[in-house]
Amino acid sequence: MPKASALPSLSLRIDLDDGSRIGPGKIALLENIDRYGSISAAGRAMEMSYKRAWDLVDEINRVCRQPAVARQTGGRNGGGAALTAFGELLVERYRRIERDAANAVRKDLAALRSEIEKPKKARGAKAAP
């Protein structure tokens, strides 16, 4: 008996007034910064260069007009980074919007999966008169 496949997934991107975007990649980067305590470690976890990770953090901080990530200098391990209260709120709000959107389209995603999984003949076949 074939195993039922997972629903197609919804990917959410929020387009801001100035043309910039907040989406799953930037939110995952923020979550990894929170998890690992550094931009470089977060980038490595996502197989991304430090420069790319830092450029994304800089973009998030700039487009949101307040910092989502604060760099921490010094210390025995050379410093790190942490989410600000705003950064934590941004991640939380994005994940809530994402969850609500996914719940709103769950039936349509299930219907889409059924249509995708139908054999080719059944998809294009018309009912007999």
C-alpha atoms as a PDB file:
ATOM      1  CA  MET A   1       0.000   0.000   0.000  1.00  0.00           C
ATOM      2  CA  PRO A   2       1.544   3.355  -1.023  1.00  0.00           C
ATOM      3  CA  LYS A   3       2.343   5.720   1.778  1.00  0.00           C
ATOM      4  CA  ALA A   4       0.506   9.053   1.691  1.00  0.00           C
ATOM      5  CA  SER A   5       2.875  11.884   0.913  1.00  0.00           C
ATOM      6  CA  ALA A   6       3.125  15.059   2.913  1.00  0.00           C
ATOM      7  CA  LEU A   7       1.085  18.055   1.904  1.00  0.00           C
ATOM      8  CA  PRO A   8       2.673  20.522  -0.450  1.00  0.00           C
ATOM      9  CA  SER A   9       4.032  23.274   1.750  1.00  0.00           C
ATOM     10  CA  LEU A  10       3.426  26.984   1.842  1.00  0.00           C
ATOM     11  CA  SER A  11       6.372  29.366   1.785  1.00  0.00           C
ATOM     12  CA  LEU A  12       5.632  32.840   3.050  1.00  0.00           C
ATOM     13  CA  ARG A  13       7.429  36.012   2.039  1.00  0.00           C
ATOM     14  CA  ILE A  14       6.438  39.398   3.403  1.00  0.00           C
ATOM     15  CA  ASP A  15       7.014  42.252   0.958  1.00  0.00           C
ATOM     16  CA  LEU A  16       7.683  45.553   2.715  1.00  0.00           C
ATOM     17  CA  ASP A  17       6.836  49.045   1.443  1.00  0.00           C
ATOM     18  CA  ASP A  18      10.392  49.815   0.324  1.00  0.00           C
ATOM     19  CA  GLY A  19      10.576  46.694  -1.857  1.00  0.00           C
ATOM     20  CA  SER A  20      12.591  44.611   0.605  1.00  0.00           C
ATOM     21  CA  ARG A  21      11.415  41.243   1.869  1.00  0.00           C
ATOM     22  CA  ILE A  22      11.342  39.143   4.993  1.00  0.00           C
ATOM     23  CA  GLY A  23      11.047  35.451   4.243  1.00  0.00           C
ATOM     24  CA  PRO A  24      11.914  31.973   5.449  1.00  0.00           C
ATOM     25  CA  GLY A  25      15.659  32.300   4.854  1.00  0.00           C
ATOM     26  CA  LYS A  26      16.100  35.484   6.876  1.00  0.00           C
ATOM     27  CA  ILE A  27      13.886  34.170   9.665  1.00  0.00           C
ATOM     28  CA  ALA A  28      15.862  30.897   9.762  1.00  0.00           C
ATOM     29  CA  LEU A  29      19.068  32.936   9.987  1.00  0.00           C
ATOM     30  CA  LEU A  30      17.673  34.884  12.957  1.00  0.00           C
ATOM     31  CA  GLU A  31      16.623  31.618  14.619  1.00  0.00           C
ATOM     32  CA  ASN A  32      20.116  30.204  14.109  1.00  0.00           C
ATOM     33  CA  ILE A  33      21.730  33.333  15.528  1.00  0.00           C
ATOM     34  CA  ASP A  34      19.511  32.899  18.572  1.00  0.00           C
ATOM     35  CA  ARG A  35      20.429  29.194  18.770  1.00  0.00           C
ATOM     36  CA  TYR A  36      24.191  29.504  18.255  1.00  0.00           C
ATOM     37  CA  GLY A  37      24.903  32.976  19.637  1.00  0.00           C
ATOM     38  CA  SER A  38      26.888  34.147  16.629  1.00  0.00           C
ATOM     39  CA  ILE A  39      26.399  35.258  13.055  1.00  0.00           C
ATOM     40  CA  SER A  40      29.257  33.106  11.782  1.00  0.00           C
ATOM     41  CA  ALA A  41      27.974  29.944  13.505  1.00  0.00           C
ATOM     42  CA  ALA A  42      24.453  30.634  12.224  1.00  0.00           C
ATOM     43  CA  GLY A  43      25.830  31.052   8.704  1.00  0.00           C
ATOM     44  CA  ARG A  44      27.842  27.835   8.942  1.00  0.00           C
ATOM     45  CA  ALA A  45      24.739  25.957  10.119  1.00  0.00           C
ATOM     46  CA  MET A  46      22.998  27.168   6.966  1.00  0.00           C
ATOM     47  CA  GLU A  47      26.043  26.535   4.712  1.00  0.00           C
ATOM     48  CA  MET A  48      26.364  30.269   4.109  1.00  0.00           C
ATOM     49  CA  SER A  49      29.447  32.468   4.269  1.00  0.00           C
ATOM     50  CA  TYR A  50      29.910  34.885   7.141  1.00  0.00           C
ATOM     51  CA  LYS A  51      29.745  37.768   4.652  1.00  0.00           C
ATOM     52  CA  ARG A  52      26.412  36.593   3.269  1.00  0.00           C
ATOM     53  CA  ALA A  53      25.017  36.065   6.778  1.00  0.00           C
ATOM     54  CA  TRP A  54      26.247  39.485   7.903  1.00  0.00           C
ATOM     55  CA  ASP A  55      24.822  41.153   4.752  1.00  0.00           C
ATOM     56  CA  LEU A  56      21.418  39.599   5.487  1.00  0.00           C
ATOM     57  CA  VAL A  57      21.545  40.686   9.140  1.00  0.00           C
ATOM     58  CA  ASP A  58      22.519  44.192   8.037  1.00  0.00           C
ATOM     59  CA  GLU A  59      19.618  44.240   5.571  1.00  0.00           C
ATOM     60  CA  ILE A  60      17.129  43.063   8.212  1.00  0.00           C
ATOM     61  CA  ASN A  61      18.347  45.708  10.669  1.00  0.00           C
ATOM     62  CA  ARG A  62      18.189  48.409   7.973  1.00  0.00           C
ATOM     63  CA  VAL A  63      14.756  47.608   6.510  1.00  0.00           C
ATOM     64  CA  CYS A  64      13.158  47.196   9.905  1.00  0.00           C
ATOM     65  CA  ARG A  65      14.611  50.543  10.995  1.00  0.00           C
ATOM     66  CA  GLN A  66      15.645  48.978  14.277  1.00  0.00           C
ATOM     67  CA  PRO A  67      18.086  46.235  15.094  1.00  0.00           C
ATOM     68  CA  ALA A  68      16.897  42.640  15.136  1.00  0.00           C
ATOM     69  CA  VAL A  69      20.432  41.460  15.948  1.00  0.00           C
ATOM     70  CA  ALA A  70      22.908  43.023  18.333  1.00  0.00           C
ATOM     71  CA  ARG A  71      26.595  42.179  18.028  1.00  0.00           C
ATOM     72  CA  GLN A  72      28.399  41.426  21.252  1.00  0.00           C
ATOM     73  CA  THR A  73      32.111  42.204  21.317  1.00  0.00           C
ATOM     74  CA  GLY A  74      35.002  40.830  23.291  1.00  0.00           C
ATOM     75  CA  GLY A  75      34.922  38.035  25.775  1.00  0.00           C
ATOM     76  CA  ARG A  76      36.945  34.877  25.939  1.00  0.00           C
ATOM     77  CA  ASN A  77      35.350  33.463  22.795  1.00  0.00           C
ATOM     78  CA  GLY A  78      35.627  36.697  20.806  1.00  0.00           C
ATOM     79  CA  GLY A  79      32.076  37.973  21.146  1.00  0.00           C
ATOM     80  CA  GLY A  80      28.983  36.924  19.318  1.00  0.00           C
ATOM     81  CA  ALA A  81      25.494  38.081  18.469  1.00  0.00           C
ATOM     82  CA  ALA A  82      22.053  37.902  20.003  1.00  0.00           C
ATOM     83  CA  LEU A  83      18.543  38.758  18.944  1.00  0.00           C
ATOM     84  CA  THR A  84      17.175  41.966  20.349  1.00  0.00           C
ATOM     85  CA  ALA A  85      13.676  42.064  21.828  1.00  0.00           C
ATOM     86  CA  PHE A  86      12.535  43.308  18.415  1.00  0.00           C
ATOM     87  CA  GLY A  87      14.332  40.402  16.685  1.00  0.00           C
ATOM     88  CA  GLU A  88      12.571  37.898  18.923  1.00  0.00           C
ATOM     89  CA  LEU A  89       9.236  39.599  18.190  1.00  0.00           C
ATOM     90  CA  LEU A  90       9.944  39.575  14.438  1.00  0.00           C
ATOM     91  CA  VAL A  91      10.616  35.826  14.449  1.00  0.00           C
ATOM     92  CA  GLU A  92       7.598  35.116  16.651  1.00  0.00           C
ATOM     93  CA  ARG A  93       5.243  37.250  14.553  1.00  0.00           C
ATOM     94  CA  TYR A  94       6.528  35.808  11.248  1.00  0.00           C
ATOM     95  CA  ARG A  95       6.086  32.226  12.503  1.00  0.00           C
ATOM     96  CA  ARG A  96       2.553  33.063  13.724  1.00  0.00           C
ATOM     97  CA  ILE A  97       1.622  34.562  10.335  1.00  0.00           C
ATOM     98  CA  GLU A  98       3.146  31.533   8.598  1.00  0.00           C
ATOM     99  CA  ARG A  99       1.232  29.099  10.837  1.00  0.00           C
ATOM    100  CA  ASP A 100      -2.073  30.969  10.371  1.00  0.00           C
ATOM    101  CA  ALA A 101      -1.611  31.090   6.588  1.00  0.00           C
ATOM    102  CA  ALA A 102      -0.810  27.367   6.440  1.00  0.00           C
ATOM    103  CA  ASN A 103      -3.905  26.562   8.495  1.00  0.00           C
ATOM    104  CA  ALA A 104      -6.046  28.719   6.213  1.00  0.00           C
ATOM    105  CA  VAL A 105      -4.963  26.827   3.068  1.00  0.00           C
ATOM    106  CA  ARG A 106      -4.620  23.311   4.512  1.00  0.00           C
ATOM    107  CA  LYS A 107      -7.681  21.954   2.633  1.00  0.00           C
ATOM    108  CA  ASP A 108      -6.528  23.465  -0.645  1.00  0.00           C
ATOM    109  CA  LEU A 109      -3.034  22.006  -0.201  1.00  0.00           C
ATOM    110  CA  ALA A 110      -4.581  18.573   0.469  1.00  0.00           C
ATOM    111  CA  ALA A 111      -6.721  18.915  -2.675  1.00  0.00           C
ATOM    112  CA  LEU A 112      -3.665  19.959  -4.665  1.00  0.00           C
ATOM    113  CA  ARG A 113      -1.753  16.909  -3.407  1.00  0.00           C
ATOM    114  CA  SER A 114      -4.621  14.665  -4.519  1.00  0.00           C
ATOM    115  CA  GLU A 115      -4.631  16.227  -7.973  1.00  0.00           C
ATOM    116  CA  ILE A 116      -0.854  15.925  -8.306  1.00  0.00           C
ATOM    117  CA  GLU A 117      -0.920  12.272  -7.264  1.00  0.00           C
ATOM    118  CA  LYS A 118      -3.671  11.259  -9.702  1.00  0.00           C
ATOM    119  CA  PRO A 119      -2.476   9.180 -12.637  1.00  0.00           C
ATOM    120  CA  LYS A 120      -2.145  11.197 -15.854  1.00  0.00           C
ATOM    121  CA  LYS A 121      -5.113   9.473 -17.507  1.00  0.00           C
ATOM    122  CA  ALA A 122      -7.421  10.336 -14.623  1.00  0.00           C
ATOM    123  CA  ARG A 123      -6.390  13.997 -14.626  1.00  0.00           C
ATOM    124  CA  GLY A 124      -7.331  14.741 -18.191  1.00  0.00           C
ATOM    125  CA  ALA A 125     -10.151  12.215 -18.600  1.00  0.00           C
ATOM    126  CA  LYS A 126     -13.651  13.521 -19.165  1.00  0.00           C
ATOM    127  CA  ALA A 127     -16.683  11.791 -17.819  1.00  0.00           C
ATOM    128  CA  ALA A 128     -18.444   9.499 -20.287  1.00  0.00           C
ATOM    129  CA  PRO A 129     -21.828  10.794 -21.545  1.00  0.00           C
END
